[in-house]
């Protein structure tokens, strides 16, 4: 069972998200909060697997609270009405591994929770390519620095990290490279550790910076 906390300053939004998520047999909403301070308290007290965190809230907003919430343990999916680049960039720098619009269809919302709980990133399709291109400032200095960071990877690890940068999940990478999903997961974990990257999105940004796609 995936344990989820929902954080939004609007009670109706929280109720709607709870209704959608609890319709899934493998997801339980174990708590709610109305601002970032409450989110952090819930993260420490309830130890959820995933937290849905609204970007804009009074008192302490989601972007301000995100880094502390991530440090407390939960994987964070940011929710917003508008996919502004500034929001996306700040959320990912804080360690969030998901960024979704509030009009995401119910089935996709539940799938996003499962994806993030399994250790993968989940971004709204409308922001993915724009986000990567905006991070990947491909000047020679940045390209060379990114390639130097990637140098410790084995050939196989680099091959898999490039597949991650193309947006493929572990199962798809396993199919494309003819290996087990467990082996792919192990390679991704080693790459994350070697590169001191917080999540798969950061791996993708590094590959794009290195101009290896």
Protein backbone atom coordinates (compact mmCIF):
# COMPACT_ATOMS: atom_id res chain seq x y z
CA UNK A 1 0.00 0.00 0.00
CA UNK A 2 1.37 3.42 -0.99
CA UNK A 3 0.86 5.94 1.82
CA UNK A 4 0.12 9.47 0.61
CA UNK A 5 -0.31 12.90 2.22
CA UNK A 6 -2.22 15.59 0.30
CA UNK A 7 -1.28 19.24 0.84
CA UNK A 8 -3.38 22.09 -0.57
CA UNK A 9 -4.83 25.23 1.00
CA UNK A 10 -8.27 24.56 -0.53
CA UNK A 11 -10.30 21.96 1.35
CA UNK A 12 -12.34 21.06 -1.73
CA UNK A 13 -9.19 20.33 -3.69
CA UNK A 14 -7.88 18.10 -0.91
CA UNK A 15 -11.20 16.27 -0.76
CA UNK A 16 -11.18 15.75 -4.52
CA UNK A 17 -7.63 14.43 -4.54
CA UNK A 18 -8.42 12.09 -1.66
CA UNK A 19 -11.48 10.76 -3.50
CA UNK A 20 -9.46 10.12 -6.68
CA UNK A 21 -6.53 8.46 -4.95
CA UNK A 22 -8.51 6.29 -2.57
CA UNK A 23 -10.40 4.82 -5.52
CA UNK A 24 -7.12 3.02 -6.30
CA UNK A 25 -6.77 -0.26 -4.37
CA UNK A 26 -3.05 0.24 -3.71
CA UNK A 27 -3.11 3.86 -2.46
CA UNK A 28 -4.09 5.16 0.99
CA UNK A 29 -4.35 8.87 1.86
CA UNK A 30 -3.04 8.92 5.43
CA UNK A 31 -3.07 12.66 6.04
CA UNK A 32 -3.76 16.19 4.81
CA UNK A 33 -2.31 19.66 5.38
CA UNK A 34 -3.21 23.18 4.29
CA UNK A 35 0.26 24.73 3.96
CA UNK A 36 3.96 23.98 3.84
CA UNK A 37 4.43 24.06 7.60
CA UNK A 38 1.70 21.46 8.00
CA UNK A 39 3.26 19.43 5.20
CA UNK A 40 6.58 19.24 7.05
CA UNK A 41 4.86 18.28 10.31
CA UNK A 42 2.95 15.51 8.51
CA UNK A 43 6.11 14.31 6.76
CA UNK A 44 7.87 13.81 10.11
CA UNK A 45 4.86 12.41 11.97
CA UNK A 46 3.28 10.14 9.36
CA UNK A 47 6.30 9.16 7.24
CA UNK A 48 4.30 8.86 4.00
CA UNK A 49 5.78 7.35 0.83
CA UNK A 50 4.56 10.20 -1.39
CA UNK A 51 3.37 13.75 -0.75
CA UNK A 52 1.26 15.77 -3.19
CA UNK A 53 2.30 19.36 -2.50
CA UNK A 54 0.54 22.43 -3.90
CA UNK A 55 2.89 25.10 -5.22
CA UNK A 56 1.03 28.21 -4.06
CA UNK A 57 -0.29 28.31 -0.50
CA UNK A 58 -0.46 30.95 2.26
CA UNK A 59 1.93 31.05 5.24
CA UNK A 60 4.52 28.63 3.80
CA UNK A 61 4.13 27.72 0.12
CA UNK A 62 4.97 24.36 -1.39
CA UNK A 63 8.13 25.50 -3.15
CA UNK A 64 9.56 26.88 0.10
CA UNK A 65 8.71 23.72 2.01
CA UNK A 66 9.72 21.19 -0.67
CA UNK A 67 13.40 20.77 0.22
CA UNK A 68 12.66 20.21 3.93
CA UNK A 69 9.86 17.77 3.10
CA UNK A 70 12.15 15.81 0.75
CA UNK A 71 14.82 15.71 3.47
CA UNK A 72 12.23 14.23 5.84
CA UNK A 73 11.74 11.25 3.54
CA UNK A 74 8.67 11.45 1.27
CA UNK A 75 8.95 11.57 -2.49
CA UNK A 76 7.31 14.85 -3.54
CA UNK A 77 4.97 15.55 -6.44
CA UNK A 78 4.29 19.27 -6.91
CA UNK A 79 0.78 20.25 -8.03
CA UNK A 80 -0.10 23.51 -9.73
CA UNK A 81 -2.66 25.16 -11.97
CA UNK A 82 -0.03 26.71 -14.25
CA UNK A 83 3.16 25.02 -15.50
CA UNK A 84 5.37 28.09 -15.15
CA UNK A 85 9.06 27.40 -15.78
CA UNK A 86 10.08 29.14 -12.56
CA UNK A 87 7.92 26.76 -10.51
CA UNK A 88 9.26 23.68 -12.26
CA UNK A 89 12.89 24.71 -11.90
CA UNK A 90 12.58 25.55 -8.20
CA UNK A 91 10.68 22.34 -7.48
CA UNK A 92 13.29 20.12 -9.13
CA UNK A 93 16.18 21.93 -7.48
CA UNK A 94 14.45 21.29 -4.16
CA UNK A 95 14.39 17.57 -4.92
CA UNK A 96 10.80 17.04 -6.08
CA UNK A 97 10.49 14.10 -8.46
CA UNK A 98 7.08 14.93 -9.91
CA UNK A 99 5.37 18.00 -11.30
CA UNK A 100 1.74 17.72 -12.38
CA UNK A 101 -1.07 20.06 -13.33
CA UNK A 102 -4.23 19.98 -11.23
CA UNK A 103 -6.29 19.06 -14.30
CA UNK A 104 -4.38 15.78 -14.66
CA UNK A 105 -6.96 13.00 -15.31
CA UNK A 106 -7.72 10.79 -12.28
CA UNK A 107 -6.19 7.64 -13.75
CA UNK A 108 -2.96 9.49 -14.60
CA UNK A 109 -2.80 11.01 -11.12
CA UNK A 110 -2.91 7.59 -9.48
CA UNK A 111 -0.34 6.27 -11.94
CA UNK A 112 1.92 9.23 -11.17
CA UNK A 113 1.82 8.32 -7.48
CA UNK A 114 2.75 4.73 -8.30
CA UNK A 115 5.56 5.86 -10.61
CA UNK A 116 7.08 8.20 -8.05
CA UNK A 117 6.69 5.68 -5.23
CA UNK A 118 8.67 3.21 -7.36
CA UNK A 119 11.55 5.69 -7.59
CA UNK A 120 10.88 7.20 -11.01
CA UNK A 121 10.26 10.81 -12.00
CA UNK A 122 6.87 11.95 -13.29
CA UNK A 123 6.43 15.24 -15.14
CA UNK A 124 3.39 16.58 -16.94
CA UNK A 125 3.96 15.97 -20.68
CA UNK A 126 3.52 19.68 -21.42
CA UNK A 127 6.56 20.63 -19.35
CA UNK A 128 9.02 17.79 -19.96
CA UNK A 129 10.74 18.82 -23.19
CA UNK A 130 10.62 22.54 -22.39
CA UNK A 131 12.10 21.88 -18.98
CA UNK A 132 15.01 19.80 -20.26
CA UNK A 133 15.86 22.25 -23.02
CA UNK A 134 15.81 25.19 -20.62
CA UNK A 135 18.18 23.44 -18.23
CA UNK A 136 20.47 22.22 -20.94
CA UNK A 137 22.45 25.33 -21.83
CA UNK A 138 24.76 23.66 -24.31
CA UNK A 139 27.76 25.99 -24.29
CA UNK A 140 31.13 24.24 -24.65
CA UNK A 141 32.09 24.81 -21.02
CA UNK A 142 28.83 23.39 -19.70
CA UNK A 143 29.00 20.45 -22.11
CA UNK A 144 32.57 19.62 -21.11
CA UNK A 145 31.77 19.91 -17.39
CA UNK A 146 28.78 17.58 -17.80
CA UNK A 147 30.85 15.03 -19.71
CA UNK A 148 33.49 15.11 -17.00
CA UNK A 149 30.83 14.43 -14.37
CA UNK A 150 29.61 11.45 -16.41
CA UNK A 151 33.12 10.03 -16.86
CA UNK A 152 32.98 7.68 -13.80
CA UNK A 153 30.10 5.73 -15.34
CA UNK A 154 30.72 2.43 -17.07
CA UNK A 155 29.68 2.10 -20.71
CA UNK A 156 26.59 0.15 -19.67
CA UNK A 157 25.63 2.67 -16.97
CA UNK A 158 25.99 5.52 -19.47
CA UNK A 159 23.86 3.64 -21.99
CA UNK A 160 21.11 3.24 -19.40
CA UNK A 161 21.37 6.84 -18.21
CA UNK A 162 20.91 7.98 -21.82
CA UNK A 163 17.73 5.89 -21.97
CA UNK A 164 16.57 7.58 -18.76
CA UNK A 165 17.20 10.94 -20.43
CA UNK A 166 14.95 9.86 -23.30
CA UNK A 167 12.14 9.52 -20.78
CA UNK A 168 11.97 5.73 -20.60
CA UNK A 169 11.04 3.90 -17.41
CA UNK A 170 12.88 0.84 -16.10
CA UNK A 171 10.57 -1.64 -17.80
CA UNK A 172 10.94 0.03 -21.21
CA UNK A 173 14.73 0.28 -20.82
CA UNK A 174 14.88 -3.41 -19.92
CA UNK A 175 12.91 -4.29 -23.05
CA UNK A 176 15.02 -2.06 -25.32
CA UNK A 177 18.36 -3.30 -23.96
CA UNK A 178 17.33 -6.94 -23.43
CA UNK A 179 18.03 -7.17 -19.72
CA UNK A 180 15.99 -7.66 -16.58
CA UNK A 181 14.19 -4.77 -14.95
CA UNK A 182 16.06 -5.50 -11.70
CA UNK A 183 19.39 -5.11 -13.53
CA UNK A 184 18.28 -1.77 -14.99
CA UNK A 185 17.21 -0.57 -11.56
CA UNK A 186 20.59 -1.58 -10.11
CA UNK A 187 22.48 0.30 -12.84
CA UNK A 188 20.33 3.41 -12.33
CA UNK A 189 20.94 3.28 -8.58
CA UNK A 190 24.70 3.02 -9.09
CA UNK A 191 24.65 5.91 -11.55
CA UNK A 192 22.69 8.08 -9.14
CA UNK A 193 25.21 7.31 -6.39
CA UNK A 194 28.29 7.90 -8.56
CA UNK A 195 26.94 11.21 -9.89
CA UNK A 196 25.46 12.30 -6.55
CA UNK A 197 22.20 12.98 -8.38
CA UNK A 198 18.99 13.18 -6.41
CA UNK A 199 16.66 11.69 -9.01
CA UNK A 200 16.21 10.59 -12.61
CA UNK A 201 15.31 14.07 -13.81
CA UNK A 202 18.71 15.32 -12.67
CA UNK A 203 20.32 12.44 -14.59
CA UNK A 204 18.40 13.48 -17.70
CA UNK A 205 19.46 17.11 -17.36
CA UNK A 206 23.10 16.06 -17.04
CA UNK A 207 22.92 13.93 -20.21
CA UNK A 208 21.32 16.80 -22.11
CA UNK A 209 23.95 19.23 -20.80
CA UNK A 210 26.60 16.82 -22.11
CA UNK A 211 24.84 16.79 -25.51
CA UNK A 212 24.84 12.99 -25.59
CA UNK A 213 21.43 12.46 -27.21
